[in-house]
């Protein structure tokens, strides 16, 4: 596993955002972010971060009242690392 993901949530009056953060992996070109409804469910790619100095992704499509799970994969060129451990996030 190339990186470890953690999640925290922030809610504002007009929007709900889940922020996913992970530890920087030296040598990576970027990161792919995945989301699923269940911990052992099917993870769908929801975004990417191409700036290797950035280790945060904001999921602005998170739904209020729903718990989601996130995983991150690091990549270098065409080589893609394995999934991080899942990180749980819920918006109340």
C-alpha atoms as a PDB file:
ATOM      1  CA  UNK A   1       0.000   0.000   0.000  1.00  0.00           C
ATOM      2  CA  UNK A   2       1.467   3.285  -1.048  1.00  0.00           C
ATOM      3  CA  UNK A   3      -0.507   5.713   1.043  1.00  0.00           C
ATOM      4  CA  UNK A   4      -2.844   5.940   3.987  1.00  0.00           C
ATOM      5  CA  UNK A   5      -6.073   7.918   3.710  1.00  0.00           C
ATOM      6  CA  UNK A   6      -7.962   9.598   6.510  1.00  0.00           C
ATOM      7  CA  UNK A   7     -11.172  11.615   6.347  1.00  0.00           C
ATOM      8  CA  UNK A   8     -12.809  14.436   8.180  1.00  0.00           C
ATOM      9  CA  UNK A   9     -15.949  16.377   7.423  1.00  0.00           C
ATOM     10  CA  UNK A  10     -16.882  20.016   7.388  1.00  0.00           C
ATOM     11  CA  UNK A  11     -20.349  21.353   6.965  1.00  0.00           C
ATOM     12  CA  UNK A  12     -21.299  24.901   6.108  1.00  0.00           C
ATOM     13  CA  UNK A  13     -24.678  26.580   5.856  1.00  0.00           C
ATOM     14  CA  UNK A  14     -24.769  26.394   2.066  1.00  0.00           C
ATOM     15  CA  UNK A  15     -22.752  23.249   1.352  1.00  0.00           C
ATOM     16  CA  UNK A  16     -21.490  19.955   2.653  1.00  0.00           C
ATOM     17  CA  UNK A  17     -17.983  18.798   1.862  1.00  0.00           C
ATOM     18  CA  UNK A  18     -15.978  15.740   2.802  1.00  0.00           C
ATOM     19  CA  UNK A  19     -12.244  16.317   2.864  1.00  0.00           C
ATOM     20  CA  UNK A  20      -9.993  13.331   2.295  1.00  0.00           C
ATOM     21  CA  UNK A  21      -6.346  13.636   3.224  1.00  0.00           C
ATOM     22  CA  UNK A  22      -3.404  11.262   2.996  1.00  0.00           C
ATOM     23  CA  UNK A  23       0.320  11.135   3.587  1.00  0.00           C
ATOM     24  CA  UNK A  24       2.515  12.257   0.713  1.00  0.00           C
ATOM     25  CA  UNK A  25       4.294   9.470  -1.132  1.00  0.00           C
ATOM     26  CA  UNK A  26       7.740  10.454  -2.399  1.00  0.00           C
ATOM     27  CA  UNK A  27       8.096   9.744  -6.106  1.00  0.00           C
ATOM     28  CA  UNK A  28       4.365   9.726  -6.896  1.00  0.00           C
ATOM     29  CA  UNK A  29       3.078  11.785  -9.837  1.00  0.00           C
ATOM     30  CA  UNK A  30      -0.386  12.089  -8.344  1.00  0.00           C
ATOM     31  CA  UNK A  31      -3.276  10.348  -6.636  1.00  0.00           C
ATOM     32  CA  UNK A  32      -6.659   8.870  -7.554  1.00  0.00           C
ATOM     33  CA  UNK A  33      -9.564   9.107  -5.119  1.00  0.00           C
ATOM     34  CA  UNK A  34     -12.316   6.473  -4.921  1.00  0.00           C
ATOM     35  CA  UNK A  35     -15.651   6.287  -3.056  1.00  0.00           C
ATOM     36  CA  UNK A  36     -18.080   3.480  -2.151  1.00  0.00           C
ATOM     37  CA  UNK A  37     -21.315   3.186  -0.180  1.00  0.00           C
ATOM     38  CA  UNK A  38     -20.036   0.152   1.748  1.00  0.00           C
ATOM     39  CA  UNK A  39     -16.607  -0.642   3.172  1.00  0.00           C
ATOM     40  CA  UNK A  40     -16.339  -3.802   1.094  1.00  0.00           C
ATOM     41  CA  UNK A  41     -18.376  -2.413  -1.805  1.00  0.00           C
ATOM     42  CA  UNK A  42     -17.333  -1.461  -5.297  1.00  0.00           C
ATOM     43  CA  UNK A  43     -15.172   1.684  -5.295  1.00  0.00           C
ATOM     44  CA  UNK A  44     -15.690   4.202  -8.092  1.00  0.00           C
ATOM     45  CA  UNK A  45     -13.066   6.769  -9.045  1.00  0.00           C
ATOM     46  CA  UNK A  46     -14.411  10.223  -8.187  1.00  0.00           C
ATOM     47  CA  UNK A  47     -11.368  12.365  -8.838  1.00  0.00           C
ATOM     48  CA  UNK A  48      -7.649  12.819  -9.036  1.00  0.00           C
ATOM     49  CA  UNK A  49      -4.965  15.103  -7.676  1.00  0.00           C
ATOM     50  CA  UNK A  50      -2.138  15.839 -10.093  1.00  0.00           C
ATOM     51  CA  UNK A  51      -0.203  18.226  -7.865  1.00  0.00           C
ATOM     52  CA  UNK A  52       1.983  15.925  -5.758  1.00  0.00           C
ATOM     53  CA  UNK A  53       2.337  18.625  -3.093  1.00  0.00           C
ATOM     54  CA  UNK A  54      -1.430  18.464  -2.511  1.00  0.00           C
ATOM     55  CA  UNK A  55      -2.596  15.639  -0.258  1.00  0.00           C
ATOM     56  CA  UNK A  56      -6.204  16.740   0.181  1.00  0.00           C
ATOM     57  CA  UNK A  57      -9.270  16.154  -1.973  1.00  0.00           C
ATOM     58  CA  UNK A  58     -12.697  17.724  -1.409  1.00  0.00           C
ATOM     59  CA  UNK A  59     -15.697  15.594  -2.283  1.00  0.00           C
ATOM     60  CA  UNK A  60     -18.383  18.192  -2.907  1.00  0.00           C
ATOM     61  CA  UNK A  61     -20.878  15.529  -3.984  1.00  0.00           C
ATOM     62  CA  UNK A  62     -21.139  13.840  -0.579  1.00  0.00           C
ATOM     63  CA  UNK A  63     -24.761  13.419   0.497  1.00  0.00           C
ATOM     64  CA  UNK A  64     -26.091  14.577   3.814  1.00  0.00           C
ATOM     65  CA  UNK A  65     -27.181  11.708   6.048  1.00  0.00           C
ATOM     66  CA  UNK A  66     -25.150   9.128   4.101  1.00  0.00           C
ATOM     67  CA  UNK A  67     -21.964   7.361   5.157  1.00  0.00           C
ATOM     68  CA  UNK A  68     -19.337   6.752   2.485  1.00  0.00           C
ATOM     69  CA  UNK A  69     -15.951   5.080   2.354  1.00  0.00           C
ATOM     70  CA  UNK A  70     -12.921   6.463   0.566  1.00  0.00           C
ATOM     71  CA  UNK A  71      -9.700   4.961  -0.728  1.00  0.00           C
ATOM     72  CA  UNK A  72      -6.690   6.525  -2.415  1.00  0.00           C
ATOM     73  CA  UNK A  73      -4.232   5.144  -4.969  1.00  0.00           C
ATOM     74  CA  UNK A  74      -0.912   6.779  -5.813  1.00  0.00           C
ATOM     75  CA  UNK A  75       0.384   6.656  -9.372  1.00  0.00           C
ATOM     76  CA  UNK A  76       3.666   7.254 -11.161  1.00  0.00           C
ATOM     77  CA  UNK A  77       3.416   7.369 -14.935  1.00  0.00           C
ATOM     78  CA  UNK A  78       1.274   4.410 -15.985  1.00  0.00           C
ATOM     79  CA  UNK A  79       2.030   2.477 -12.783  1.00  0.00           C
ATOM     80  CA  UNK A  80      -0.770   2.600 -10.219  1.00  0.00           C
ATOM     81  CA  UNK A  81      -0.316   1.559  -6.598  1.00  0.00           C
ATOM     82  CA  UNK A  82      -2.722  -0.498  -4.558  1.00  0.00           C
ATOM     83  CA  UNK A  83      -5.647   0.909  -2.585  1.00  0.00           C
ATOM     84  CA  UNK A  84      -5.113   2.575   0.758  1.00  0.00           C
ATOM     85  CA  UNK A  85      -7.131   1.252   3.673  1.00  0.00           C
ATOM     86  CA  UNK A  86     -10.716   2.563   3.587  1.00  0.00           C
ATOM     87  CA  UNK A  87     -11.566   5.737   5.464  1.00  0.00           C
ATOM     88  CA  UNK A  88     -15.150   6.289   6.646  1.00  0.00           C
ATOM     89  CA  UNK A  89     -16.897   9.661   6.465  1.00  0.00           C
ATOM     90  CA  UNK A  90     -20.454  10.641   7.217  1.00  0.00           C
ATOM     91  CA  UNK A  91     -22.362  13.910   6.972  1.00  0.00           C
ATOM     92  CA  UNK A  92     -25.060  14.481   9.598  1.00  0.00           C
END
